Amino acid sequence: MIRKIFIVICALILITTLQYYAFVKAPPIEVELTNQQINQIYENLLKYTGLSRSMLPKLIIIKNDAIINAYQDSSNNVIAIYSGMIKFSANKDEISAVLAHEIAHFMLDHSALNPTMNSDYQTILEGNADKFGVYLMMRAGYDTCKARDLWIKLRNSNGDYEYNSDHPNYSYRIWQFEFPMCGG
């Protein structure tokens, strides 16, 4: 009798463990996010900036554009994300990486700097925005490993660019997020 109970308990533990790993380790279902979901992600990230909402930029979603990009424009107090980037990003965590990066540019006041500055310095600023953006993602509860995944997807899609000398190449961006918890 005790042996049967032990076998049943072991079976239940095994089934529960398999269900857990199937849920946690399963790849996310890739569905394009709605504007409302993107705005919700944006607002969630903004909570962790420490600034009042009235001081923070408005989010603009540029529709019907295949451009895979986003930008921060302090002169108009906006952060813009193109629909091409939304389609390229597989899930809320990757979108949060993009938006958090742009919020980081705003928080670090990068647009107030001289646009004619040395490209090496601009590359450093981009790296700083990457890192601060991942901090915001973490605080807001998003999967920071997805920032690395996004850079890997961009590198696989575009190659490891060198033409954009004011941004770090994708390999550097991937390297800076090789956290043990992300398998790196």
C-alpha atoms as a PDB file:
ATOM      1  CA  MET A   1       0.000   0.000   0.000  1.00  0.00           C
ATOM      2  CA  ILE A   2       2.769   2.468   0.968  1.00  0.00           C
ATOM      3  CA  ARG A   3       4.582   1.620  -2.253  1.00  0.00           C
ATOM      4  CA  LYS A   4       1.477   2.464  -4.324  1.00  0.00           C
ATOM      5  CA  ILE A   5       1.061   5.790  -2.502  1.00  0.00           C
ATOM      6  CA  PHE A   6       4.748   6.558  -3.083  1.00  0.00           C
ATOM      7  CA  ILE A   7       4.400   5.774  -6.811  1.00  0.00           C
ATOM      8  CA  VAL A   8       1.293   7.982  -7.101  1.00  0.00           C
ATOM      9  CA  ILE A   9       3.053  10.860  -5.309  1.00  0.00           C
ATOM     10  CA  CYS A  10       6.125  10.509  -7.545  1.00  0.00           C
ATOM     11  CA  ALA A  11       3.899  10.453 -10.623  1.00  0.00           C
ATOM     12  CA  LEU A  12       2.096  13.595  -9.474  1.00  0.00           C
ATOM     13  CA  ILE A  13       5.406  15.354  -8.806  1.00  0.00           C
ATOM     14  CA  LEU A  14       6.673  14.335 -12.245  1.00  0.00           C
ATOM     15  CA  ILE A  15       3.479  15.518 -13.988  1.00  0.00           C
ATOM     16  CA  THR A  16       3.512  18.819 -12.069  1.00  0.00           C
ATOM     17  CA  THR A  17       7.186  19.371 -12.911  1.00  0.00           C
ATOM     18  CA  LEU A  18       6.617  18.635 -16.592  1.00  0.00           C
ATOM     19  CA  GLN A  19       3.620  20.976 -16.688  1.00  0.00           C
ATOM     20  CA  TYR A  20       5.682  23.698 -15.009  1.00  0.00           C
ATOM     21  CA  TYR A  21       8.537  23.372 -17.496  1.00  0.00           C
ATOM     22  CA  ALA A  22       6.135  23.165 -20.419  1.00  0.00           C
ATOM     23  CA  PHE A  23       4.603  26.452 -19.241  1.00  0.00           C
ATOM     24  CA  VAL A  24       7.818  28.261 -18.270  1.00  0.00           C
ATOM     25  CA  LYS A  25      10.121  26.974 -21.013  1.00  0.00           C
ATOM     26  CA  ALA A  26       7.631  26.885 -23.875  1.00  0.00           C
ATOM     27  CA  PRO A  27       8.291  29.519 -26.515  1.00  0.00           C
ATOM     28  CA  PRO A  28       5.794  32.368 -26.361  1.00  0.00           C
ATOM     29  CA  ILE A  29       3.005  32.449 -28.886  1.00  0.00           C
ATOM     30  CA  GLU A  30       3.925  35.234 -31.259  1.00  0.00           C
ATOM     31  CA  VAL A  31       0.966  37.550 -31.732  1.00  0.00           C
ATOM     32  CA  GLU A  32       1.177  41.166 -32.801  1.00  0.00           C
ATOM     33  CA  LEU A  33       0.352  43.398 -29.868  1.00  0.00           C
ATOM     34  CA  THR A  34      -2.473  45.921 -30.007  1.00  0.00           C
ATOM     35  CA  ASN A  35      -1.949  49.658 -29.538  1.00  0.00           C
ATOM     36  CA  GLN A  36      -3.627  49.364 -26.149  1.00  0.00           C
ATOM     37  CA  GLN A  37      -1.181  46.640 -25.047  1.00  0.00           C
ATOM     38  CA  ILE A  38       1.797  48.668 -26.275  1.00  0.00           C
ATOM     39  CA  ASN A  39       0.565  51.745 -24.411  1.00  0.00           C
ATOM     40  CA  GLN A  40       0.078  49.594 -21.311  1.00  0.00           C
ATOM     41  CA  ILE A  41       3.699  48.355 -21.549  1.00  0.00           C
ATOM     42  CA  TYR A  42       4.878  51.943 -22.007  1.00  0.00           C
ATOM     43  CA  GLU A  43       2.912  53.225 -19.000  1.00  0.00           C
ATOM     44  CA  ASN A  44       4.151  50.312 -16.900  1.00  0.00           C
ATOM     45  CA  LEU A  45       7.782  51.180 -17.706  1.00  0.00           C
ATOM     46  CA  LEU A  46       7.208  54.875 -16.966  1.00  0.00           C
ATOM     47  CA  LYS A  47       6.140  54.061 -13.395  1.00  0.00           C
ATOM     48  CA  TYR A  48       9.750  53.176 -12.604  1.00  0.00           C
ATOM     49  CA  THR A  49      11.359  56.377 -13.870  1.00  0.00           C
ATOM     50  CA  GLY A  50      10.721  58.300 -10.650  1.00  0.00           C
ATOM     51  CA  LEU A  51       9.275  61.245 -12.582  1.00  0.00           C
ATOM     52  CA  SER A  52       5.721  62.518 -12.679  1.00  0.00           C
ATOM     53  CA  ARG A  53       3.806  61.464 -15.787  1.00  0.00           C
ATOM     54  CA  SER A  54       3.436  65.080 -16.951  1.00  0.00           C
ATOM     55  CA  MET A  55       7.232  65.346 -17.319  1.00  0.00           C
ATOM     56  CA  LEU A  56       7.557  62.222 -19.449  1.00  0.00           C
ATOM     57  CA  PRO A  57       7.262  61.906 -23.225  1.00  0.00           C
ATOM     58  CA  LYS A  58       4.122  60.825 -25.033  1.00  0.00           C
ATOM     59  CA  LEU A  59       4.215  57.577 -27.026  1.00  0.00           C
ATOM     60  CA  ILE A  60       3.447  57.723 -30.744  1.00  0.00           C
ATOM     61  CA  ILE A  61       2.896  54.586 -32.789  1.00  0.00           C
ATOM     62  CA  ILE A  62       3.721  55.205 -36.451  1.00  0.00           C
ATOM     63  CA  LYS A  63       1.365  52.964 -38.418  1.00  0.00           C
ATOM     64  CA  ASN A  64       1.733  51.335 -41.800  1.00  0.00           C
ATOM     65  CA  ASP A  65       5.465  51.659 -41.863  1.00  0.00           C
ATOM     66  CA  ALA A  66       7.799  48.706 -42.328  1.00  0.00           C
ATOM     67  CA  ILE A  67      10.740  50.491 -40.678  1.00  0.00           C
ATOM     68  CA  ILE A  68      12.163  48.453 -37.803  1.00  0.00           C
ATOM     69  CA  ASN A  69      13.054  51.284 -35.466  1.00  0.00           C
ATOM     70  CA  ALA A  70      12.008  53.547 -32.621  1.00  0.00           C
ATOM     71  CA  TYR A  71      13.329  56.915 -31.486  1.00  0.00           C
ATOM     72  CA  GLN A  72      13.146  59.520 -28.774  1.00  0.00           C
ATOM     73  CA  ASP A  73      12.583  63.170 -29.700  1.00  0.00           C
ATOM     74  CA  SER A  74      12.960  65.505 -26.726  1.00  0.00           C
ATOM     75  CA  SER A  75      12.206  68.628 -28.744  1.00  0.00           C
ATOM     76  CA  ASN A  76       8.637  67.336 -29.271  1.00  0.00           C
ATOM     77  CA  ASN A  77       8.560  65.334 -26.013  1.00  0.00           C
ATOM     78  CA  VAL A  78       7.712  62.066 -27.769  1.00  0.00           C
ATOM     79  CA  ILE A  79       8.931  58.529 -28.111  1.00  0.00           C
ATOM     80  CA  ALA A  80       7.943  56.953 -31.402  1.00  0.00           C
ATOM     81  CA  ILE A  81       7.854  53.315 -32.426  1.00  0.00           C
ATOM     82  CA  TYR A  82       7.244  52.189 -35.988  1.00  0.00           C
ATOM     83  CA  SER A  83       4.729  49.451 -36.770  1.00  0.00           C
ATOM     84  CA  GLY A  84       7.582  47.546 -38.443  1.00  0.00           C
ATOM     85  CA  MET A  85       9.317  47.279 -35.062  1.00  0.00           C
ATOM     86  CA  ILE A  86       6.081  46.154 -33.440  1.00  0.00           C
ATOM     87  CA  LYS A  87       5.663  43.386 -36.020  1.00  0.00           C
ATOM     88  CA  PHE A  88       9.330  42.399 -35.709  1.00  0.00           C
ATOM     89  CA  SER A  89       9.159  42.150 -31.913  1.00  0.00           C
ATOM     90  CA  ALA A  90       7.671  38.821 -30.936  1.00  0.00           C
ATOM     91  CA  ASN A  91       6.155  39.687 -27.564  1.00  0.00           C
ATOM     92  CA  LYS A  92       5.587  42.230 -24.807  1.00  0.00           C
ATOM     93  CA  ASP A  93       9.064  41.667 -23.366  1.00  0.00           C
ATOM     94  CA  GLU A  94      10.807  42.540 -26.647  1.00  0.00           C
ATOM     95  CA  ILE A  95       8.573  45.606 -27.083  1.00  0.00           C
ATOM     96  CA  SER A  96       9.415  46.604 -23.508  1.00  0.00           C
ATOM     97  CA  ALA A  97      13.128  46.369 -24.398  1.00  0.00           C
ATOM     98  CA  VAL A  98      12.637  48.800 -27.300  1.00  0.00           C
ATOM     99  CA  LEU A  99      10.501  51.248 -25.322  1.00  0.00           C
ATOM    100  CA  ALA A 100      12.708  51.053 -22.211  1.00  0.00           C
ATOM    101  CA  HIS A 101      15.771  51.855 -24.365  1.00  0.00           C
ATOM    102  CA  GLU A 102      14.069  54.998 -25.695  1.00  0.00           C
ATOM    103  CA  ILE A 103      12.852  56.003 -22.221  1.00  0.00           C
ATOM    104  CA  ALA A 104      16.452  55.584 -21.042  1.00  0.00           C
ATOM    105  CA  HIS A 105      17.638  58.055 -23.706  1.00  0.00           C
ATOM    106  CA  PHE A 106      15.101  60.531 -22.318  1.00  0.00           C
ATOM    107  CA  MET A 107      16.037  59.858 -18.680  1.00  0.00           C
ATOM    108  CA  LEU A 108      19.756  60.192 -19.432  1.00  0.00           C
ATOM    109  CA  ASP A 109      19.075  63.427 -21.368  1.00  0.00           C
ATOM    110  CA  HIS A 110      20.962  62.204 -24.429  1.00  0.00           C
ATOM    111  CA  SER A 111      19.159  64.463 -26.890  1.00  0.00           C
ATOM    112  CA  ALA A 112      20.418  67.547 -25.043  1.00  0.00           C
ATOM    113  CA  LEU A 113      23.955  66.654 -26.054  1.00  0.00           C
ATOM    114  CA  ASN A 114      25.688  68.047 -29.103  1.00  0.00           C
ATOM    115  CA  PRO A 115      24.621  66.080 -32.222  1.00  0.00           C
ATOM    116  CA  THR A 116      28.037  66.667 -33.809  1.00  0.00           C
ATOM    117  CA  MET A 117      29.823  64.830 -31.009  1.00  0.00           C
ATOM    118  CA  ASN A 118      32.323  62.060 -31.607  1.00  0.00           C
ATOM    119  CA  SER A 119      30.670  58.845 -32.881  1.00  0.00           C
ATOM    120  CA  ASP A 120      32.555  56.780 -30.278  1.00  0.00           C
ATOM    121  CA  TYR A 121      30.910  58.841 -27.552  1.00  0.00           C
ATOM    122  CA  GLN A 122      27.492  58.391 -29.187  1.00  0.00           C
ATOM    123  CA  THR A 123      28.109  54.634 -29.225  1.00  0.00           C
ATOM    124  CA  ILE A 124      28.790  54.771 -25.472  1.00  0.00           C
ATOM    125  CA  LEU A 125      25.527  56.666 -24.939  1.00  0.00           C
ATOM    126  CA  GLU A 126      23.631  53.990 -26.878  1.00  0.00           C
ATOM    127  CA  GLY A 127      25.206  51.291 -24.710  1.00  0.00           C
ATOM    128  CA  ASN A 128      24.204  53.242 -21.599  1.00  0.00           C
ATOM    129  CA  ALA A 129      20.623  53.493 -22.868  1.00  0.00           C
ATOM    130  CA  ASP A 130      20.642  49.723 -23.462  1.00  0.00           C
ATOM    131  CA  LYS A 131      21.764  49.044 -19.895  1.00  0.00           C
ATOM    132  CA  PHE A 132      19.449  51.554 -18.211  1.00  0.00           C
ATOM    133  CA  GLY A 133      16.601  50.268 -20.381  1.00  0.00           C
ATOM    134  CA  VAL A 134      17.174  46.721 -19.139  1.00  0.00           C
ATOM    135  CA  TYR A 135      17.127  48.072 -15.576  1.00  0.00           C
ATOM    136  CA  LEU A 136      13.701  49.634 -16.269  1.00  0.00           C
ATOM    137  CA  MET A 137      12.510  46.349 -17.796  1.00  0.00           C
ATOM    138  CA  MET A 138      13.601  44.465 -14.685  1.00  0.00           C
ATOM    139  CA  ARG A 139      11.908  46.927 -12.331  1.00  0.00           C
ATOM    140  CA  ALA A 140       8.679  46.718 -14.352  1.00  0.00           C
ATOM    141  CA  GLY A 141       8.708  42.912 -14.271  1.00  0.00           C
ATOM    142  CA  TYR A 142       9.614  42.143 -17.892  1.00  0.00           C
ATOM    143  CA  ASP A 143      11.962  39.352 -18.958  1.00  0.00           C
ATOM    144  CA  THR A 144      15.338  41.062 -19.409  1.00  0.00           C
ATOM    145  CA  CYS A 145      16.654  38.088 -21.384  1.00  0.00           C
ATOM    146  CA  LYS A 146      14.302  39.156 -24.185  1.00  0.00           C
ATOM    147  CA  ALA A 147      16.412  42.285 -24.767  1.00  0.00           C
ATOM    148  CA  ARG A 148      19.271  39.988 -25.714  1.00  0.00           C
ATOM    149  CA  ASP A 149      16.920  37.855 -27.822  1.00  0.00           C
ATOM    150  CA  LEU A 150      15.788  40.972 -29.688  1.00  0.00           C
ATOM    151  CA  TRP A 151      19.385  41.965 -30.511  1.00  0.00           C
ATOM    152  CA  ILE A 152      20.069  38.417 -31.714  1.00  0.00           C
ATOM    153  CA  LYS A 153      17.014  38.577 -33.987  1.00  0.00           C
ATOM    154  CA  LEU A 154      18.114  41.970 -35.332  1.00  0.00           C
ATOM    155  CA  ARG A 155      21.629  40.686 -36.021  1.00  0.00           C
ATOM    156  CA  ASN A 156      20.249  37.572 -37.723  1.00  0.00           C
ATOM    157  CA  SER A 157      17.926  39.713 -39.826  1.00  0.00           C
ATOM    158  CA  ASN A 158      20.325  42.548 -40.710  1.00  0.00           C
ATOM    159  CA  GLY A 159      23.828  41.219 -40.168  1.00  0.00           C
ATOM    160  CA  ASP A 160      26.226  42.774 -37.652  1.00  0.00           C
ATOM    161  CA  TYR A 161      26.075  46.295 -39.029  1.00  0.00           C
ATOM    162  CA  GLU A 162      28.994  48.654 -39.122  1.00  0.00           C
ATOM    163  CA  TYR A 163      27.374  51.350 -41.270  1.00  0.00           C
ATOM    164  CA  ASN A 164      25.640  53.032 -38.338  1.00  0.00           C
ATOM    165  CA  SER A 165      28.726  54.259 -36.529  1.00  0.00           C
ATOM    166  CA  ASP A 166      26.811  56.032 -33.758  1.00  0.00           C
ATOM    167  CA  HIS A 167      25.315  52.759 -32.457  1.00  0.00           C
ATOM    168  CA  PRO A 168      27.135  49.722 -31.089  1.00  0.00           C
ATOM    169  CA  ASN A 169      26.995  46.705 -33.370  1.00  0.00           C
ATOM    170  CA  TYR A 170      24.608  43.904 -32.488  1.00  0.00           C
ATOM    171  CA  SER A 171      27.359  41.575 -31.262  1.00  0.00           C
ATOM    172  CA  TYR A 172      28.337  44.106 -28.590  1.00  0.00           C
ATOM    173  CA  ARG A 173      24.707  44.625 -27.623  1.00  0.00           C
ATOM    174  CA  ILE A 174      24.214  40.860 -27.320  1.00  0.00           C
ATOM    175  CA  TRP A 175      27.446  40.479 -25.330  1.00  0.00           C
ATOM    176  CA  GLN A 176      26.475  43.115 -22.751  1.00  0.00           C
ATOM    177  CA  PHE A 177      23.357  41.084 -21.868  1.00  0.00           C
ATOM    178  CA  GLU A 178      24.946  37.648 -21.576  1.00  0.00           C
ATOM    179  CA  PHE A 179      23.564  37.080 -18.125  1.00  0.00           C
ATOM    180  CA  PRO A 180      23.862  33.569 -16.630  1.00  0.00           C
ATOM    181  CA  MET A 181      20.085  33.410 -16.263  1.00  0.00           C
ATOM    182  CA  CYS A 182      19.730  34.020 -20.017  1.00  0.00           C
ATOM    183  CA  GLY A 183      21.932  31.109 -20.942  1.00  0.00           C
ATOM    184  CA  GLY A 184      24.830  33.397 -21.873  1.00  0.00           C
END
